[in-house]
N, C-alpha and C. Protein backbone atom coordinates (compact mmCIF):
# COMPACT_ATOMS: atom_id res chain seq x y z
N MET A 1 115.04 12.33 -41.03
CA MET A 1 113.69 12.12 -40.52
C MET A 1 113.71 11.86 -39.02
N LYS A 2 114.68 11.07 -38.59
CA LYS A 2 114.76 10.74 -37.17
C LYS A 2 115.05 11.97 -36.33
N THR A 3 115.90 12.86 -36.81
CA THR A 3 116.22 14.09 -36.09
C THR A 3 114.98 14.96 -35.94
N THR A 4 114.16 15.01 -36.95
CA THR A 4 112.92 15.79 -36.89
C THR A 4 111.98 15.22 -35.85
N GLU A 5 111.89 13.89 -35.80
CA GLU A 5 111.02 13.24 -34.81
C GLU A 5 111.48 13.58 -33.40
N ILE A 6 112.79 13.56 -33.17
CA ILE A 6 113.33 13.85 -31.84
C ILE A 6 113.06 15.30 -31.47
N ALA A 7 113.22 16.20 -32.43
CA ALA A 7 112.98 17.61 -32.15
C ALA A 7 111.52 17.86 -31.81
N LEU A 8 110.62 17.10 -32.39
CA LEU A 8 109.20 17.29 -32.13
C LEU A 8 108.73 16.60 -30.86
N ASN A 9 109.44 15.58 -30.44
CA ASN A 9 109.02 14.82 -29.27
C ASN A 9 110.10 14.91 -28.19
N PRO A 10 109.91 15.76 -27.18
CA PRO A 10 110.95 15.92 -26.17
C PRO A 10 111.18 14.66 -25.33
N PHE A 11 110.20 13.77 -25.25
CA PHE A 11 110.38 12.55 -24.47
C PHE A 11 111.37 11.60 -25.15
N SER A 12 111.47 11.69 -26.46
CA SER A 12 112.44 10.84 -27.15
C SER A 12 113.87 11.27 -26.84
N LEU A 13 114.05 12.52 -26.40
CA LEU A 13 115.38 12.99 -26.02
C LEU A 13 115.94 12.18 -24.86
N MET A 14 115.07 11.72 -23.99
CA MET A 14 115.53 10.92 -22.84
C MET A 14 116.03 9.55 -23.28
N MET A 15 115.57 9.09 -24.43
CA MET A 15 115.96 7.77 -24.90
C MET A 15 117.29 7.79 -25.65
N GLU A 16 117.70 8.95 -26.16
CA GLU A 16 118.94 9.04 -26.93
C GLU A 16 119.79 10.21 -26.45
N PRO A 17 120.38 10.10 -25.25
CA PRO A 17 121.16 11.22 -24.72
C PRO A 17 122.42 11.52 -25.54
N GLU A 18 122.98 10.51 -26.21
CA GLU A 18 124.17 10.74 -27.03
C GLU A 18 123.85 11.71 -28.17
N LEU A 19 122.68 11.54 -28.78
CA LEU A 19 122.27 12.42 -29.86
C LEU A 19 122.08 13.84 -29.36
N VAL A 20 121.56 13.97 -28.15
CA VAL A 20 121.37 15.29 -27.56
C VAL A 20 122.73 15.96 -27.35
N LEU A 21 123.69 15.23 -26.81
CA LEU A 21 125.03 15.79 -26.58
C LEU A 21 125.70 16.19 -27.89
N GLN A 22 125.55 15.37 -28.93
CA GLN A 22 126.12 15.72 -30.22
C GLN A 22 125.49 17.00 -30.77
N THR A 23 124.19 17.12 -30.62
CA THR A 23 123.49 18.31 -31.11
C THR A 23 123.93 19.54 -30.34
N MET A 24 124.13 19.40 -29.03
CA MET A 24 124.58 20.53 -28.22
C MET A 24 125.98 20.96 -28.64
N GLU A 25 126.86 20.00 -28.92
CA GLU A 25 128.22 20.34 -29.32
C GLU A 25 128.25 21.06 -30.66
N ARG A 26 127.31 20.77 -31.55
CA ARG A 26 127.27 21.42 -32.86
C ARG A 26 126.49 22.72 -32.86
N SER A 27 125.85 23.05 -31.76
CA SER A 27 124.97 24.21 -31.72
C SER A 27 125.77 25.52 -31.71
N GLU A 28 125.54 26.32 -32.71
CA GLU A 28 126.18 27.63 -32.79
C GLU A 28 125.63 28.58 -31.72
N GLN A 29 124.35 28.47 -31.44
CA GLN A 29 123.73 29.33 -30.42
C GLN A 29 124.32 29.07 -29.04
N LEU A 30 124.56 27.83 -28.71
CA LEU A 30 125.16 27.52 -27.40
C LEU A 30 126.59 28.04 -27.32
N ARG A 31 127.32 28.00 -28.43
CA ARG A 31 128.70 28.51 -28.42
C ARG A 31 128.74 30.01 -28.20
N ARG A 32 127.72 30.72 -28.62
CA ARG A 32 127.72 32.18 -28.50
C ARG A 32 127.24 32.66 -27.12
N LEU A 33 126.78 31.76 -26.29
CA LEU A 33 126.33 32.17 -24.95
C LEU A 33 127.50 32.68 -24.14
N ARG A 34 127.24 33.69 -23.34
CA ARG A 34 128.27 34.18 -22.42
C ARG A 34 128.37 33.23 -21.24
N ARG A 35 129.57 33.02 -20.80
CA ARG A 35 129.78 32.11 -19.66
C ARG A 35 130.37 32.89 -18.51
N HIS A 36 129.91 32.59 -17.33
CA HIS A 36 130.51 33.18 -16.14
C HIS A 36 130.45 32.18 -15.01
N LYS A 37 131.43 32.26 -14.16
CA LYS A 37 131.48 31.36 -13.02
C LYS A 37 130.56 31.87 -11.92
N LEU A 38 129.83 30.95 -11.35
CA LEU A 38 128.97 31.29 -10.22
C LEU A 38 129.58 30.69 -8.97
N ARG A 39 129.62 31.45 -7.94
CA ARG A 39 130.19 31.00 -6.67
C ARG A 39 129.07 30.73 -5.68
N PRO A 40 129.26 29.76 -4.80
CA PRO A 40 128.22 29.49 -3.79
C PRO A 40 128.08 30.66 -2.82
N LEU A 41 126.90 30.80 -2.33
CA LEU A 41 126.63 31.90 -1.39
C LEU A 41 126.92 31.42 0.03
N ASP A 42 128.20 31.23 0.32
CA ASP A 42 128.57 30.73 1.64
C ASP A 42 128.85 31.85 2.63
N LYS A 43 128.77 33.08 2.20
CA LYS A 43 128.98 34.21 3.09
C LYS A 43 127.68 34.99 3.19
N PRO A 44 127.38 35.52 4.35
CA PRO A 44 126.16 36.32 4.45
C PRO A 44 126.26 37.57 3.59
N LEU A 45 125.16 37.94 2.97
CA LEU A 45 125.16 39.12 2.12
C LEU A 45 125.26 40.40 2.93
N ILE A 46 124.70 40.40 4.13
CA ILE A 46 124.73 41.57 5.00
C ILE A 46 125.69 41.25 6.15
N PRO A 47 126.76 41.97 6.28
CA PRO A 47 127.68 41.68 7.39
C PRO A 47 127.03 42.05 8.72
N TYR A 48 127.17 41.16 9.68
CA TYR A 48 126.59 41.39 11.00
C TYR A 48 127.57 42.16 11.88
N THR A 49 127.06 43.13 12.61
CA THR A 49 127.89 43.84 13.57
C THR A 49 127.96 43.01 14.85
N GLN A 50 128.91 43.32 15.68
CA GLN A 50 129.02 42.61 16.95
C GLN A 50 127.77 42.83 17.80
N GLN A 51 127.19 44.00 17.71
CA GLN A 51 125.96 44.30 18.46
C GLN A 51 124.83 43.39 17.98
N ALA A 52 124.69 43.17 16.69
CA ALA A 52 123.65 42.31 16.17
C ALA A 52 123.87 40.86 16.60
N ILE A 53 125.12 40.42 16.60
CA ILE A 53 125.44 39.05 17.03
C ILE A 53 125.12 38.88 18.50
N ASP A 54 125.50 39.86 19.32
CA ASP A 54 125.21 39.79 20.76
C ASP A 54 123.70 39.81 21.02
N SER A 55 122.98 40.62 20.28
CA SER A 55 121.53 40.71 20.43
C SER A 55 120.87 39.38 20.09
N ARG A 56 121.32 38.76 19.01
CA ARG A 56 120.77 37.46 18.63
C ARG A 56 121.08 36.40 19.68
N ALA A 57 122.30 36.42 20.22
CA ALA A 57 122.68 35.45 21.25
C ALA A 57 121.84 35.65 22.51
N ALA A 58 121.57 36.90 22.88
CA ALA A 58 120.75 37.17 24.06
C ALA A 58 119.32 36.69 23.83
N TYR A 59 118.79 36.92 22.64
CA TYR A 59 117.43 36.47 22.33
C TYR A 59 117.35 34.94 22.38
N ASP A 60 118.33 34.26 21.80
CA ASP A 60 118.34 32.80 21.83
C ASP A 60 118.43 32.29 23.27
N ALA A 61 119.26 32.94 24.09
CA ALA A 61 119.39 32.52 25.49
C ALA A 61 118.08 32.71 26.24
N ALA A 62 117.37 33.82 25.96
CA ALA A 62 116.09 34.07 26.63
C ALA A 62 115.06 33.02 26.23
N ILE A 63 115.02 32.65 24.97
CA ILE A 63 114.09 31.60 24.51
C ILE A 63 114.43 30.27 25.15
N ASP A 64 115.71 29.94 25.20
CA ASP A 64 116.14 28.67 25.83
C ASP A 64 115.77 28.66 27.31
N ALA A 65 115.98 29.77 28.01
CA ALA A 65 115.65 29.84 29.43
C ALA A 65 114.15 29.69 29.64
N GLU A 66 113.36 30.30 28.78
CA GLU A 66 111.90 30.21 28.89
C GLU A 66 111.44 28.78 28.67
N GLU A 67 112.01 28.10 27.70
CA GLU A 67 111.65 26.71 27.46
C GLU A 67 112.06 25.84 28.62
N PHE A 68 113.22 26.11 29.23
CA PHE A 68 113.69 25.33 30.36
C PHE A 68 112.76 25.52 31.55
N GLU A 69 112.33 26.78 31.79
CA GLU A 69 111.41 27.05 32.90
C GLU A 69 110.07 26.36 32.68
N THR A 70 109.56 26.39 31.45
CA THR A 70 108.28 25.74 31.13
C THR A 70 108.39 24.25 31.33
N LEU A 71 109.48 23.65 30.87
CA LEU A 71 109.69 22.22 31.01
C LEU A 71 109.80 21.85 32.49
N GLY A 72 110.51 22.66 33.27
CA GLY A 72 110.68 22.39 34.69
C GLY A 72 109.36 22.46 35.44
N SER A 73 108.50 23.43 35.12
CA SER A 73 107.21 23.54 35.81
C SER A 73 106.28 22.41 35.41
N GLU A 74 106.38 21.92 34.18
CA GLU A 74 105.54 20.80 33.75
C GLU A 74 105.95 19.51 34.47
N LEU A 75 107.23 19.35 34.74
CA LEU A 75 107.70 18.16 35.44
C LEU A 75 107.29 18.18 36.91
N LEU A 76 107.21 19.38 37.49
CA LEU A 76 106.83 19.48 38.90
C LEU A 76 105.34 19.22 39.12
N ASN A 77 104.53 19.48 38.13
CA ASN A 77 103.07 19.30 38.27
C ASN A 77 102.64 17.94 37.96
């Protein structure tokens, strides 16, 4: 009876985590799931060419120079 109550009330699952773990260990459906390792996406999916890297660096430098000029003119006024 208690197992039926837990199955019907998902909030009761938070109160009895041991019962949840036992049920998961006995679950035939969970055992049949395919398992695969997932790796973190620490590498860019699209490899950057040197030209793209240089272009990005030039754009960043132009933005930094523009901000520096704006800040300098605001200080002079």
